[in-house]
Amino acid sequence: MKLPTPVPENELRAVALETIRKAKFPMVATIDGDQPRVRPVSTVRVDGFTVYFANLKRYGKTAEIKANPQVRKAYLGEEIQE
């Protein structure tokens, strides 16, 4: 696997925001009891680094986020998604 080229520090913010904008399936990590869970989500809106995603109440993510709001998001660049 070819490793991506490191991003210069002065370009990092712009590259991160562009990666968020282009991501097809960002991933959200939650905790279910003592078990980590990582799932793709559908982004609804992005405002800088604040990202809103859709979720139905009946899905496990909703209860997991309510129990532990320490959620992490992950995005893959286009070259990794292909």
Protein backbone atom coordinates (compact mmCIF):
# COMPACT_ATOMS: atom_id res chain seq x y z
CA MET A 1 0.00 0.00 0.00
CA LYS A 2 1.31 3.42 -0.96
CA LEU A 3 1.49 5.80 2.00
CA PRO A 4 0.07 9.31 1.55
CA THR A 5 2.42 12.28 1.35
CA PRO A 6 2.63 14.20 4.66
CA VAL A 7 0.68 17.48 4.63
CA PRO A 8 2.66 20.63 5.43
CA GLU A 9 1.51 22.15 8.73
CA ASN A 10 0.40 25.42 7.10
CA GLU A 11 -1.95 23.47 4.78
CA LEU A 12 -3.32 21.04 7.37
CA ARG A 13 -6.56 22.90 8.23
CA ALA A 14 -7.54 23.34 4.56
CA VAL A 15 -6.74 19.71 3.73
CA ALA A 16 -8.71 18.46 6.77
CA LEU A 17 -11.78 20.53 5.85
CA GLU A 18 -11.58 19.35 2.23
CA THR A 19 -11.33 15.72 3.37
CA ILE A 20 -14.43 16.18 5.55
CA ARG A 21 -16.30 17.80 2.64
CA LYS A 22 -15.46 15.00 0.19
CA ALA A 23 -15.84 12.00 2.51
CA LYS A 24 -18.42 9.53 1.20
CA PHE A 25 -18.81 7.51 4.39
CA PRO A 26 -17.34 9.08 7.52
CA MET A 27 -17.11 6.71 10.46
CA VAL A 28 -18.30 7.34 14.02
CA ALA A 29 -16.85 5.47 16.99
CA THR A 30 -18.95 4.93 20.13
CA ILE A 31 -18.81 2.67 23.18
CA ASP A 32 -21.45 0.00 23.83
CA GLY A 33 -20.82 -0.96 27.46
CA ASP A 34 -17.16 -1.95 27.27
CA GLN A 35 -17.23 -2.74 23.54
CA PRO A 36 -16.09 -0.14 20.97
CA ARG A 37 -18.31 0.22 17.89
CA VAL A 38 -17.39 1.93 14.62
CA ARG A 39 -20.05 2.59 11.96
CA PRO A 40 -20.49 4.65 8.81
CA VAL A 41 -22.85 7.61 9.11
CA SER A 42 -24.65 9.99 6.74
CA THR A 43 -23.47 13.58 7.11
CA VAL A 44 -26.34 16.06 7.10
CA ARG A 45 -24.48 19.33 7.58
CA VAL A 46 -20.92 20.55 8.06
CA ASP A 47 -19.99 23.88 9.66
CA GLY A 48 -16.20 24.04 9.82
CA PHE A 49 -15.21 21.19 12.13
CA THR A 50 -18.73 20.80 13.54
CA VAL A 51 -20.37 17.87 11.76
CA TYR A 52 -24.02 16.84 12.03
CA PHE A 53 -25.02 13.33 11.02
CA ALA A 54 -28.34 11.54 10.70
CA ASN A 55 -29.37 8.78 13.06
CA LEU A 56 -32.66 7.16 14.02
CA LYS A 57 -33.64 6.88 17.69
CA ARG A 58 -34.07 3.13 17.43
CA TYR A 59 -30.45 2.63 16.29
CA GLY A 60 -27.90 1.55 18.89
CA LYS A 61 -25.76 4.64 18.25
CA THR A 62 -28.40 6.88 19.83
CA ALA A 63 -28.37 5.08 23.20
CA GLU A 64 -24.57 4.73 23.10
CA ILE A 65 -24.07 8.46 22.47
CA LYS A 66 -26.56 9.33 25.22
CA ALA A 67 -24.73 7.03 27.68
CA ASN A 68 -21.26 8.26 26.66
CA PRO A 69 -21.05 11.38 24.46
CA GLN A 70 -17.29 10.87 23.91
CA VAL A 71 -17.79 10.16 20.20
CA ARG A 72 -14.98 10.17 17.63
CA LYS A 73 -15.31 10.70 13.88
CA ALA A 74 -12.90 9.43 11.23
CA TYR A 75 -12.56 10.44 7.61
CA LEU A 76 -10.63 8.81 4.81
CA GLY A 77 -9.12 10.79 1.96
CA GLU A 78 -10.23 10.00 -1.59
CA GLU A 79 -7.06 8.05 -2.38
CA ILE A 80 -7.83 5.65 0.50
CA GLN A 81 -11.56 5.26 -0.28
CA GLU A 82 -10.94 3.83 -3.75
